[in-house]
Amino acid sequence: MNLELQASLDELKTVHSSRYINMIREFCRRGGGLLDEETGTVVSPESFTVARLAAGGAIKAVDMVMKGELKNAFVISRPPGHHASRAHASGLCIFNNIALAAKHLIDRFSLNRILILDIDAHHGNGTQEIFYDTDEVLYISLHEDPSEFPESGFIHEVGKGEGMGYTVNIPLPFGTTDSAYWKAVKSIVMPIIRQYRPLFILVSAGFDGYFRDTLSELSLSAYIYPKIFQAIMNSAHIISRDRLVAVLEGGYRTRFLRNIIPVIISRMAGGEAKIRDNRPFFNMEAQRMAEKIIEEVKETQLRFWEL
């Protein structure tokens, strides 16, 4: 374990409160336990160090891309981060890895247009909270109906103050399959990316929308993920000088993770690796509901973007 990759305390403080960081450190030092009862977030004595390593990996990746040492990167780390807010752990997340990477780009490299595309099955409530009032980060999330968890990520949540219009939520119904998901990407996500013209693209790469993952209610096939990444890579090439870093979020079917992640990395490296898998049952009712939601999102976002 290379402990030098840990995010420093000063780096953690760019996103999280000192009080929260100290609480996590002390809680782990005392042996850990149940950190967040509502979401079952448990930590061990080593979790403070491991979470700093996960955060540090994301920071190191964007640093290397900005310095030209890498064209792009995929950060395979645990714990995930997008549910962690400034002062609260949630949903198995302790520190918000992708938010820390974005803040590093803002503070170290003075970038002022960063895209975070969140494709985890669950809304990244922590990431949204952290950047809700700034136009330096555009947060776009495609996720399942968030009514039960995390109770944020609804269509009307579009940012506030200077961040008004820089949060885009696409809450899809349970049972959504590739067709509707791709329609949302093609008709909402890609046009907004072209208009925003991000200087750097970050992807919260959750794979729990896969239809065999038991921790979500989406019904996506394996084939949608390379398709999405190819589209984002094309945008990064045209708009962002290829600057792209993906950070692993959710995904709890380990067999699928070890099959899909190498395919994504191959594509990011210019390879043509493919995946073979079954497709889920097509849900016509979910398709109709998803198409209705897509139109509602477009109507809401027309205040800010041409769609």
C-alpha atoms as a PDB file:
ATOM      1  CA  MET A   1       0.000   0.000   0.000  1.00  0.00           C
ATOM      2  CA  ASN A   2       1.537   3.303  -1.132  1.00  0.00           C
ATOM      3  CA  LEU A   3       0.547   5.629   1.687  1.00  0.00           C
ATOM      4  CA  GLU A   4       2.065   8.581  -0.184  1.00  0.00           C
ATOM      5  CA  LEU A   5      -1.044   8.592  -2.386  1.00  0.00           C
ATOM      6  CA  GLN A   6      -3.253   9.604   0.529  1.00  0.00           C
ATOM      7  CA  ALA A   7      -5.069  12.903   0.149  1.00  0.00           C
ATOM      8  CA  SER A   8      -3.558  15.372   2.590  1.00  0.00           C
ATOM      9  CA  LEU A   9      -5.684  16.856   5.339  1.00  0.00           C
ATOM     10  CA  ASP A  10      -5.469  20.224   3.584  1.00  0.00           C
ATOM     11  CA  GLU A  11      -6.774  18.627   0.388  1.00  0.00           C
ATOM     12  CA  LEU A  12      -9.656  17.017   2.258  1.00  0.00           C
ATOM     13  CA  LYS A  13     -10.520  20.415   3.745  1.00  0.00           C
ATOM     14  CA  THR A  14     -11.131  21.873   0.275  1.00  0.00           C
ATOM     15  CA  VAL A  15     -14.406  19.911   0.303  1.00  0.00           C
ATOM     16  CA  HIS A  16     -15.025  18.624   3.841  1.00  0.00           C
ATOM     17  CA  SER A  17     -15.222  20.466   7.151  1.00  0.00           C
ATOM     18  CA  SER A  18     -12.357  20.127   9.634  1.00  0.00           C
ATOM     19  CA  ARG A  19     -14.809  18.932  12.260  1.00  0.00           C
ATOM     20  CA  TYR A  20     -16.042  16.128  10.001  1.00  0.00           C
ATOM     21  CA  ILE A  21     -12.526  15.010   9.048  1.00  0.00           C
ATOM     22  CA  ASN A  22     -11.473  14.917  12.694  1.00  0.00           C
ATOM     23  CA  MET A  23     -14.616  12.989  13.636  1.00  0.00           C
ATOM     24  CA  ILE A  24     -13.904  10.315  11.011  1.00  0.00           C
ATOM     25  CA  ARG A  25     -10.275  10.015  12.102  1.00  0.00           C
ATOM     26  CA  GLU A  26     -11.189   9.684  15.782  1.00  0.00           C
ATOM     27  CA  PHE A  27     -14.082   7.285  15.120  1.00  0.00           C
ATOM     28  CA  CYS A  28     -11.783   4.972  13.154  1.00  0.00           C
ATOM     29  CA  ARG A  29      -8.992   5.308  15.735  1.00  0.00           C
ATOM     30  CA  ARG A  30     -11.405   4.046  18.387  1.00  0.00           C
ATOM     31  CA  GLY A  31     -12.131   0.930  16.346  1.00  0.00           C
ATOM     32  CA  GLY A  32     -14.808   2.044  13.899  1.00  0.00           C
ATOM     33  CA  GLY A  33     -18.339   0.711  13.692  1.00  0.00           C
ATOM     34  CA  LEU A  34     -21.637   1.960  12.305  1.00  0.00           C
ATOM     35  CA  LEU A  35     -20.966   5.471  11.045  1.00  0.00           C
ATOM     36  CA  ASP A  36     -24.308   6.191   9.393  1.00  0.00           C
ATOM     37  CA  GLU A  37     -27.227   4.110  10.597  1.00  0.00           C
ATOM     38  CA  GLU A  38     -29.662   5.242   7.900  1.00  0.00           C
ATOM     39  CA  THR A  39     -27.542   3.885   5.034  1.00  0.00           C
ATOM     40  CA  GLY A  40     -25.572   1.214   6.887  1.00  0.00           C
ATOM     41  CA  THR A  41     -22.203   2.888   6.356  1.00  0.00           C
ATOM     42  CA  VAL A  42     -19.683   0.977   8.466  1.00  0.00           C
ATOM     43  CA  VAL A  43     -15.997   1.789   8.998  1.00  0.00           C
ATOM     44  CA  SER A  44     -13.043  -0.128  10.416  1.00  0.00           C
ATOM     45  CA  PRO A  45      -9.863   1.113  12.125  1.00  0.00           C
ATOM     46  CA  GLU A  46      -8.242   1.305   8.672  1.00  0.00           C
ATOM     47  CA  SER A  47     -11.067   3.172   6.936  1.00  0.00           C
ATOM     48  CA  PHE A  48      -9.677   6.671   7.493  1.00  0.00           C
ATOM     49  CA  THR A  49      -6.457   5.718   5.726  1.00  0.00           C
ATOM     50  CA  VAL A  50      -8.206   3.776   2.968  1.00  0.00           C
ATOM     51  CA  ALA A  51     -10.666   6.609   2.304  1.00  0.00           C
ATOM     52  CA  ARG A  52      -7.770   9.067   2.072  1.00  0.00           C
ATOM     53  CA  LEU A  53      -6.113   6.756  -0.444  1.00  0.00           C
ATOM     54  CA  ALA A  54      -9.276   6.633  -2.551  1.00  0.00           C
ATOM     55  CA  ALA A  55      -9.518  10.417  -2.517  1.00  0.00           C
ATOM     56  CA  GLY A  56      -5.816  10.773  -3.209  1.00  0.00           C
ATOM     57  CA  GLY A  57      -6.058   8.445  -6.191  1.00  0.00           C
ATOM     58  CA  ALA A  58      -8.668  10.677  -7.807  1.00  0.00           C
ATOM     59  CA  ILE A  59      -6.595  13.793  -7.132  1.00  0.00           C
ATOM     60  CA  LYS A  60      -3.429  12.143  -8.465  1.00  0.00           C
ATOM     61  CA  ALA A  61      -5.218  11.046 -11.638  1.00  0.00           C
ATOM     62  CA  VAL A  62      -6.444  14.515 -12.591  1.00  0.00           C
ATOM     63  CA  ASP A  63      -3.051  15.940 -11.675  1.00  0.00           C
ATOM     64  CA  MET A  64      -1.281  13.533 -14.049  1.00  0.00           C
ATOM     65  CA  VAL A  65      -3.718  14.242 -16.872  1.00  0.00           C
ATOM     66  CA  MET A  66      -3.289  18.000 -16.473  1.00  0.00           C
ATOM     67  CA  LYS A  67       0.505  17.633 -16.502  1.00  0.00           C
ATOM     68  CA  GLY A  68       0.363  15.565 -19.687  1.00  0.00           C
ATOM     69  CA  GLU A  69       1.626  12.400 -18.016  1.00  0.00           C
ATOM     70  CA  LEU A  70      -1.610  10.599 -18.913  1.00  0.00           C
ATOM     71  CA  LYS A  71      -4.160  11.161 -21.655  1.00  0.00           C
ATOM     72  CA  ASN A  72      -6.986   9.934 -19.429  1.00  0.00           C
ATOM     73  CA  ALA A  73      -7.450   7.658 -16.435  1.00  0.00           C
ATOM     74  CA  PHE A  74      -9.821   5.297 -14.676  1.00  0.00           C
ATOM     75  CA  VAL A  75      -9.470   5.279 -10.883  1.00  0.00           C
ATOM     76  CA  ILE A  76     -10.403   1.917  -9.360  1.00  0.00           C
ATOM     77  CA  SER A  77     -10.871   2.645  -5.685  1.00  0.00           C
ATOM     78  CA  ARG A  78     -13.001   1.958  -2.674  1.00  0.00           C
ATOM     79  CA  PRO A  79     -14.791   3.366  -0.791  1.00  0.00           C
ATOM     80  CA  PRO A  80     -16.894   5.264  -3.331  1.00  0.00           C
ATOM     81  CA  GLY A  81     -17.566   8.926  -2.700  1.00  0.00           C
ATOM     82  CA  HIS A  82     -20.517  10.619  -4.376  1.00  0.00           C
ATOM     83  CA  HIS A  83     -22.910  10.332  -1.409  1.00  0.00           C
ATOM     84  CA  ALA A  84     -20.466  12.000   1.004  1.00  0.00           C
ATOM     85  CA  SER A  85     -21.344  15.643   1.663  1.00  0.00           C
ATOM     86  CA  ARG A  86     -19.254  18.340   3.310  1.00  0.00           C
ATOM     87  CA  ALA A  87     -19.944  17.040   6.808  1.00  0.00           C
ATOM     88  CA  HIS A  88     -21.764  13.735   6.526  1.00  0.00           C
ATOM     89  CA  ALA A  89     -20.969  10.170   5.467  1.00  0.00           C
ATOM     90  CA  SER A  90     -23.688   8.348   3.562  1.00  0.00           C
ATOM     91  CA  GLY A  91     -24.302   5.429   1.253  1.00  0.00           C
ATOM     92  CA  LEU A  92     -20.964   3.691   1.962  1.00  0.00           C
ATOM     93  CA  CYS A  93     -19.106   6.935   1.125  1.00  0.00           C
ATOM     94  CA  ILE A  94     -16.715   8.718   3.501  1.00  0.00           C
ATOM     95  CA  PHE A  95     -14.880  11.357   1.443  1.00  0.00           C
ATOM     96  CA  ASN A  96     -16.191  12.621  -1.885  1.00  0.00           C
ATOM     97  CA  ASN A  97     -13.429  11.490  -4.219  1.00  0.00           C
ATOM     98  CA  ILE A  98     -14.718  13.092  -7.408  1.00  0.00           C
ATOM     99  CA  ALA A  99     -15.565  16.382  -5.695  1.00  0.00           C
ATOM    100  CA  LEU A 100     -12.034  16.520  -4.304  1.00  0.00           C
ATOM    101  CA  ALA A 101     -10.654  15.913  -7.801  1.00  0.00           C
ATOM    102  CA  ALA A 102     -12.805  18.729  -9.176  1.00  0.00           C
ATOM    103  CA  LYS A 103     -11.707  21.113  -6.415  1.00  0.00           C
ATOM    104  CA  HIS A 104      -8.083  20.243  -7.162  1.00  0.00           C
ATOM    105  CA  LEU A 105      -8.639  21.228 -10.792  1.00  0.00           C
ATOM    106  CA  ILE A 106     -10.207  24.512  -9.685  1.00  0.00           C
ATOM    107  CA  ASP A 107      -7.640  25.402  -7.018  1.00  0.00           C
ATOM    108  CA  ARG A 108      -4.437  24.063  -8.579  1.00  0.00           C
ATOM    109  CA  PHE A 109      -5.066  24.627 -12.281  1.00  0.00           C
ATOM    110  CA  SER A 110      -7.635  27.460 -12.216  1.00  0.00           C
ATOM    111  CA  LEU A 111     -10.130  25.555 -14.354  1.00  0.00           C
ATOM    112  CA  ASN A 112     -13.583  27.099 -14.236  1.00  0.00           C
ATOM    113  CA  ARG A 113     -15.662  24.733 -16.387  1.00  0.00           C
ATOM    114  CA  ILE A 114     -15.603  21.164 -15.118  1.00  0.00           C
ATOM    115  CA  LEU A 115     -18.182  18.531 -15.974  1.00  0.00           C
ATOM    116  CA  ILE A 116     -19.082  15.782 -13.535  1.00  0.00           C
ATOM    117  CA  LEU A 117     -21.225  13.150 -15.233  1.00  0.00           C
ATOM    118  CA  ASP A 118     -22.662  10.732 -12.686  1.00  0.00           C
ATOM    119  CA  ILE A 119     -23.881   7.418 -14.129  1.00  0.00           C
ATOM    120  CA  ASP A 120     -24.240   5.597 -10.823  1.00  0.00           C
ATOM    121  CA  ALA A 121     -27.697   4.101 -10.289  1.00  0.00           C
ATOM    122  CA  HIS A 122     -28.206   6.354  -7.272  1.00  0.00           C
ATOM    123  CA  HIS A 123     -28.181  10.128  -7.193  1.00  0.00           C
ATOM    124  CA  GLY A 124     -24.896  11.637  -6.013  1.00  0.00           C
ATOM    125  CA  ASN A 125     -26.452  13.793  -3.318  1.00  0.00           C
ATOM    126  CA  GLY A 126     -23.088  14.703  -1.813  1.00  0.00           C
ATOM    127  CA  THR A 127     -21.606  15.891  -5.089  1.00  0.00           C
ATOM    128  CA  GLN A 128     -24.719  17.903  -5.873  1.00  0.00           C
ATOM    129  CA  GLU A 129     -24.670  19.602  -2.468  1.00  0.00           C
ATOM    130  CA  ILE A 130     -21.007  20.533  -2.725  1.00  0.00           C
ATOM    131  CA  PHE A 131     -21.331  22.256  -6.113  1.00  0.00           C
ATOM    132  CA  TYR A 132     -24.972  23.357  -6.011  1.00  0.00           C
ATOM    133  CA  ASP A 133     -24.226  27.088  -5.929  1.00  0.00           C
ATOM    134  CA  THR A 134     -21.326  27.353  -8.388  1.00  0.00           C
ATOM    135  CA  ASP A 135     -21.038  27.553 -12.169  1.00  0.00           C
ATOM    136  CA  GLU A 136     -17.479  26.194 -12.085  1.00  0.00           C
ATOM    137  CA  VAL A 137     -18.841  22.641 -12.035  1.00  0.00           C
ATOM    138  CA  LEU A 138     -21.699  21.302 -14.140  1.00  0.00           C
ATOM    139  CA  TYR A 139     -23.188  18.265 -12.414  1.00  0.00           C
ATOM    140  CA  ILE A 140     -25.293  15.914 -14.552  1.00  0.00           C
ATOM    141  CA  SER A 141     -26.751  12.783 -12.990  1.00  0.00           C
ATOM    142  CA  LEU A 142     -28.731   9.930 -14.502  1.00  0.00           C
ATOM    143  CA  HIS A 143     -30.175   7.776 -11.742  1.00  0.00           C
ATOM    144  CA  GLU A 144     -33.124   5.722 -10.624  1.00  0.00           C
ATOM    145  CA  ASP A 145     -36.144   7.248  -8.893  1.00  0.00           C
ATOM    146  CA  PRO A 146     -34.608   8.788  -5.744  1.00  0.00           C
ATOM    147  CA  SER A 147     -37.799   8.892  -3.666  1.00  0.00           C
ATOM    148  CA  GLU A 148     -36.566   6.208  -1.247  1.00  0.00           C
ATOM    149  CA  PHE A 149     -32.836   6.956  -1.409  1.00  0.00           C
ATOM    150  CA  PRO A 150     -31.229   9.439  -1.236  1.00  0.00           C
ATOM    151  CA  GLU A 151     -34.355  11.612  -1.456  1.00  0.00           C
ATOM    152  CA  SER A 152     -32.602  14.124  -3.704  1.00  0.00           C
ATOM    153  CA  GLY A 153     -31.974  14.306  -7.424  1.00  0.00           C
ATOM    154  CA  PHE A 154     -35.406  15.381  -8.598  1.00  0.00           C
ATOM    155  CA  ILE A 155     -36.000  17.266 -11.831  1.00  0.00           C
ATOM    156  CA  HIS A 156     -36.661  20.613 -10.161  1.00  0.00           C
ATOM    157  CA  GLU A 157     -33.249  20.618  -8.435  1.00  0.00           C
ATOM    158  CA  VAL A 158     -31.269  22.792 -10.860  1.00  0.00           C
ATOM    159  CA  GLY A 159     -28.830  24.686  -8.627  1.00  0.00           C
ATOM    160  CA  LYS A 160     -29.013  28.017  -6.868  1.00  0.00           C
ATOM    161  CA  GLY A 161     -27.289  31.402  -7.005  1.00  0.00           C
ATOM    162  CA  GLU A 162     -24.385  31.331  -9.442  1.00  0.00           C
ATOM    163  CA  GLY A 163     -25.024  27.611  -9.823  1.00  0.00           C
ATOM    164  CA  MET A 164     -28.535  28.031 -11.189  1.00  0.00           C
ATOM    165  CA  GLY A 165     -28.774  25.811 -14.268  1.00  0.00           C
ATOM    166  CA  TYR A 166     -25.575  23.897 -13.520  1.00  0.00           C
ATOM    167  CA  THR A 167     -27.272  20.903 -11.936  1.00  0.00           C
ATOM    168  CA  VAL A 168     -29.118  18.517 -14.256  1.00  0.00           C
ATOM    169  CA  ASN A 169     -31.024  15.607 -12.737  1.00  0.00           C
ATOM    170  CA  ILE A 170     -32.528  12.819 -14.830  1.00  0.00           C
ATOM    171  CA  PRO A 171     -34.425  10.526 -12.407  1.00  0.00           C
ATOM    172  CA  LEU A 172     -35.464   7.440 -14.347  1.00  0.00           C
ATOM    173  CA  PRO A 173     -38.144   4.944 -13.316  1.00  0.00           C
ATOM    174  CA  PHE A 174     -37.422   1.502 -11.935  1.00  0.00           C
ATOM    175  CA  GLY A 175     -36.962  -0.975 -14.757  1.00  0.00           C
ATOM    176  CA  THR A 176     -35.412   1.512 -17.203  1.00  0.00           C
ATOM    177  CA  THR A 177     -33.502  -0.314 -19.939  1.00  0.00           C
ATOM    178  CA  ASP A 178     -30.823   0.743 -22.417  1.00  0.00           C
ATOM    179  CA  SER A 179     -33.148   2.337 -24.948  1.00  0.00           C
ATOM    180  CA  ALA A 180     -34.553   5.016 -22.643  1.00  0.00           C
ATOM    181  CA  TYR A 181     -31.232   5.527 -20.880  1.00  0.00           C
ATOM    182  CA  TRP A 182     -29.449   6.161 -24.161  1.00  0.00           C
ATOM    183  CA  LYS A 183     -32.224   8.496 -25.274  1.00  0.00           C
ATOM    184  CA  ALA A 184     -31.611  10.575 -22.145  1.00  0.00           C
ATOM    185  CA  VAL A 185     -27.888  10.659 -22.861  1.00  0.00           C
ATOM    186  CA  LYS A 186     -28.353  11.559 -26.520  1.00  0.00           C
ATOM    187  CA  SER A 187     -31.111  14.150 -26.132  1.00  0.00           C
ATOM    188  CA  ILE A 188     -30.109  15.831 -22.860  1.00  0.00           C
ATOM    189  CA  VAL A 189     -26.573  15.023 -21.741  1.00  0.00           C
ATOM    190  CA  MET A 190     -24.692  15.380 -25.019  1.00  0.00           C
ATOM    191  CA  PRO A 191     -26.307  18.670 -26.145  1.00  0.00           C
ATOM    192  CA  ILE A 192     -25.612  20.254 -22.752  1.00  0.00           C
ATOM    193  CA  ILE A 193     -21.989  19.090 -22.832  1.00  0.00           C
ATOM    194  CA  ARG A 194     -21.534  20.649 -26.269  1.00  0.00           C
ATOM    195  CA  GLN A 195     -22.902  23.964 -25.020  1.00  0.00           C
ATOM    196  CA  TYR A 196     -21.022  23.994 -21.711  1.00  0.00           C
ATOM    197  CA  ARG A 197     -17.691  23.093 -23.357  1.00  0.00           C
ATOM    198  CA  PRO A 198     -15.999  21.699 -20.239  1.00  0.00           C
ATOM    199  CA  LEU A 199     -12.261  22.080 -19.825  1.00  0.00           C
ATOM    200  CA  PHE A 200     -12.152  18.721 -18.025  1.00  0.00           C
ATOM    201  CA  ILE A 201     -14.595  15.821 -17.837  1.00  0.00           C
ATOM    202  CA  LEU A 202     -15.000  13.705 -14.711  1.00  0.00           C
ATOM    203  CA  VAL A 203     -17.201  10.617 -14.637  1.00  0.00           C
ATOM    204  CA  SER A 204     -18.662   9.155 -11.464  1.00  0.00           C
ATOM    205  CA  ALA A 205     -18.539   5.648 -12.871  1.00  0.00           C
ATOM    206  CA  GLY A 206     -21.094   3.576 -11.022  1.00  0.00           C
ATOM    207  CA  PHE A 207     -22.047   0.228 -12.519  1.00  0.00           C
ATOM    208  CA  ASP A 208     -24.897  -0.677 -10.183  1.00  0.00           C
ATOM    209  CA  GLY A 209     -27.490   0.131 -12.839  1.00  0.00           C
ATOM    210  CA  TYR A 210     -26.650  -3.264 -14.333  1.00  0.00           C
ATOM    211  CA  PHE A 211     -29.768  -5.419 -14.350  1.00  0.00           C
ATOM    212  CA  ARG A 212     -28.218  -8.187 -12.243  1.00  0.00           C
ATOM    213  CA  ASP A 213     -26.989  -5.826  -9.514  1.00  0.00           C
ATOM    214  CA  THR A 214     -29.229  -6.285  -6.494  1.00  0.00           C
ATOM    215  CA  LEU A 215     -28.680  -2.807  -5.038  1.00  0.00           C
ATOM    216  CA  SER A 216     -30.558  -0.895  -7.716  1.00  0.00           C
ATOM    217  CA  GLU A 217     -33.787  -1.091  -9.690  1.00  0.00           C
ATOM    218  CA  LEU A 218     -32.509  -0.071 -13.126  1.00  0.00           C
ATOM    219  CA  SER A 219     -32.290  -2.744 -15.829  1.00  0.00           C
ATOM    220  CA  LEU A 220     -29.292  -1.739 -17.912  1.00  0.00           C
ATOM    221  CA  SER A 221     -27.293  -4.215 -19.937  1.00  0.00           C
ATOM    222  CA  ALA A 222     -23.520  -4.446 -20.055  1.00  0.00           C
ATOM    223  CA  TYR A 223     -23.555  -2.933 -23.536  1.00  0.00           C
ATOM    224  CA  ILE A 224     -24.704   0.542 -22.494  1.00  0.00           C
ATOM    225  CA  TYR A 225     -21.533   1.341 -20.547  1.00  0.00           C
ATOM    226  CA  PRO A 226     -18.968   1.175 -23.400  1.00  0.00           C
ATOM    227  CA  LYS A 227     -21.466   3.115 -25.526  1.00  0.00           C
ATOM    228  CA  ILE A 228     -21.679   5.911 -22.959  1.00  0.00           C
ATOM    229  CA  PHE A 229     -17.935   6.031 -22.448  1.00  0.00           C
ATOM    230  CA  GLN A 230     -17.306   6.185 -26.183  1.00  0.00           C
ATOM    231  CA  ALA A 231     -19.641   9.166 -26.457  1.00  0.00           C
ATOM    232  CA  ILE A 232     -17.941  10.911 -23.544  1.00  0.00           C
ATOM    233  CA  MET A 233     -14.487  10.164 -24.935  1.00  0.00           C
ATOM    234  CA  ASN A 234     -15.521  11.692 -28.245  1.00  0.00           C
ATOM    235  CA  SER A 235     -16.707  14.818 -26.444  1.00  0.00           C
ATOM    236  CA  ALA A 236     -13.502  14.979 -24.417  1.00  0.00           C
ATOM    237  CA  HIS A 237     -11.466  14.724 -27.625  1.00  0.00           C
ATOM    238  CA  ILE A 238     -13.378  17.474 -29.418  1.00  0.00           C
ATOM    239  CA  ILE A 239     -13.994  19.841 -26.508  1.00  0.00           C
ATOM    240  CA  SER A 240     -11.696  19.072 -23.573  1.00  0.00           C
ATOM    241  CA  ARG A 241      -8.337  18.173 -25.144  1.00  0.00           C
ATOM    242  CA  ASP A 242      -8.996  14.523 -24.195  1.00  0.00           C
ATOM    243  CA  ARG A 243      -8.967  15.391 -20.492  1.00  0.00           C
ATOM    244  CA  LEU A 244     -11.092  12.670 -18.945  1.00  0.00           C
ATOM    245  CA  VAL A 245     -10.925  10.863 -15.603  1.00  0.00           C
ATOM    246  CA  ALA A 246     -13.437   8.272 -14.430  1.00  0.00           C
ATOM    247  CA  VAL A 247     -13.681   7.388 -10.744  1.00  0.00           C
ATOM    248  CA  LEU A 248     -15.352   4.177  -9.602  1.00  0.00           C
ATOM    249  CA  GLU A 249     -18.518   4.647  -7.574  1.00  0.00           C
ATOM    250  CA  GLY A 250     -21.101   1.900  -7.014  1.00  0.00           C
ATOM    251  CA  GLY A 251     -21.288  -1.562  -8.492  1.00  0.00           C
ATOM    252  CA  TYR A 252     -21.735  -4.569  -6.259  1.00  0.00           C
ATOM    253  CA  ARG A 253     -21.819  -7.559  -8.570  1.00  0.00           C
ATOM    254  CA  THR A 254     -18.117  -8.322  -8.543  1.00  0.00           C
ATOM    255  CA  ARG A 255     -18.184 -10.674 -11.522  1.00  0.00           C
ATOM    256  CA  PHE A 256     -19.650  -7.900 -13.654  1.00  0.00           C
ATOM    257  CA  LEU A 257     -17.140  -5.330 -12.396  1.00  0.00           C
ATOM    258  CA  ARG A 258     -14.185  -7.499 -13.300  1.00  0.00           C
ATOM    259  CA  ASN A 259     -15.640  -7.953 -16.779  1.00  0.00           C
ATOM    260  CA  ILE A 260     -16.818  -4.423 -17.580  1.00  0.00           C
ATOM    261  CA  ILE A 261     -14.026  -2.299 -16.110  1.00  0.00           C
ATOM    262  CA  PRO A 262     -11.255  -3.813 -18.301  1.00  0.00           C
ATOM    263  CA  VAL A 263     -13.455  -3.162 -21.342  1.00  0.00           C
ATOM    264  CA  ILE A 264     -13.876   0.487 -20.373  1.00  0.00           C
ATOM    265  CA  ILE A 265     -10.154   0.881 -19.698  1.00  0.00           C
ATOM    266  CA  SER A 266      -9.363  -0.742 -23.047  1.00  0.00           C
ATOM    267  CA  ARG A 267     -11.631   1.727 -24.834  1.00  0.00           C
ATOM    268  CA  MET A 268     -10.079   4.660 -22.969  1.00  0.00           C
ATOM    269  CA  ALA A 269      -6.650   3.418 -24.056  1.00  0.00           C
ATOM    270  CA  GLY A 270      -7.705   3.210 -27.700  1.00  0.00           C
ATOM    271  CA  GLY A 271      -8.434  -0.509 -27.715  1.00  0.00           C
ATOM    272  CA  GLU A 272     -11.493  -2.331 -28.972  1.00  0.00           C
ATOM    273  CA  ALA A 273     -12.255  -4.800 -26.179  1.00  0.00           C
ATOM    274  CA  LYS A 274     -15.839  -6.005 -26.209  1.00  0.00           C
ATOM    275  CA  ILE A 275     -18.133  -7.556 -23.652  1.00  0.00           C
ATOM    276  CA  ARG A 276     -20.651 -10.331 -24.166  1.00  0.00           C
ATOM    277  CA  ASP A 277     -23.674 -10.635 -21.956  1.00  0.00           C
ATOM    278  CA  ASN A 278     -27.394 -11.278 -21.906  1.00  0.00           C
ATOM    279  CA  ARG A 279     -29.868  -8.438 -22.187  1.00  0.00           C
ATOM    280  CA  PRO A 280     -32.618  -7.771 -19.637  1.00  0.00           C
ATOM    281  CA  PHE A 281     -36.310  -8.079 -20.399  1.00  0.00           C
ATOM    282  CA  PHE A 282     -37.605  -4.940 -22.130  1.00  0.00           C
ATOM    283  CA  ASN A 283     -40.083  -3.123 -19.904  1.00  0.00           C
ATOM    284  CA  MET A 284     -42.559  -1.190 -22.059  1.00  0.00           C
ATOM    285  CA  GLU A 285     -44.202   0.572 -19.115  1.00  0.00           C
ATOM    286  CA  ALA A 286     -40.821   1.734 -17.800  1.00  0.00           C
ATOM    287  CA  GLN A 287     -39.956   2.920 -21.310  1.00  0.00           C
ATOM    288  CA  ARG A 288     -43.105   5.049 -21.497  1.00  0.00           C
ATOM    289  CA  MET A 289     -42.517   6.500 -18.048  1.00  0.00           C
ATOM    290  CA  ALA A 290     -38.867   7.219 -18.861  1.00  0.00           C
ATOM    291  CA  GLU A 291     -39.757   9.020 -22.075  1.00  0.00           C
ATOM    292  CA  LYS A 292     -42.218  11.192 -20.156  1.00  0.00           C
ATOM    293  CA  ILE A 293     -39.554  12.038 -17.576  1.00  0.00           C
ATOM    294  CA  ILE A 294     -37.035  12.853 -20.306  1.00  0.00           C
ATOM    295  CA  GLU A 295     -39.471  15.377 -21.766  1.00  0.00           C
ATOM    296  CA  GLU A 296     -40.044  16.880 -18.309  1.00  0.00           C
ATOM    297  CA  VAL A 297     -36.289  17.238 -17.785  1.00  0.00           C
ATOM    298  CA  LYS A 298     -35.918  18.909 -21.174  1.00  0.00           C
ATOM    299  CA  GLU A 299     -38.742  21.315 -20.411  1.00  0.00           C
ATOM    300  CA  THR A 300     -37.114  22.261 -17.098  1.00  0.00           C
ATOM    301  CA  GLN A 301     -33.626  22.626 -18.555  1.00  0.00           C
ATOM    302  CA  LEU A 302     -34.803  24.714 -21.527  1.00  0.00           C
ATOM    303  CA  ARG A 303     -34.485  27.683 -19.188  1.00  0.00           C
ATOM    304  CA  PHE A 304     -30.726  27.206 -19.324  1.00  0.00           C
ATOM    305  CA  TRP A 305     -29.812  25.113 -22.393  1.00  0.00           C
ATOM    306  CA  GLU A 306     -30.927  24.618 -25.977  1.00  0.00           C
ATOM    307  CA  LEU A 307     -32.415  21.131 -26.189  1.00  0.00           C
END
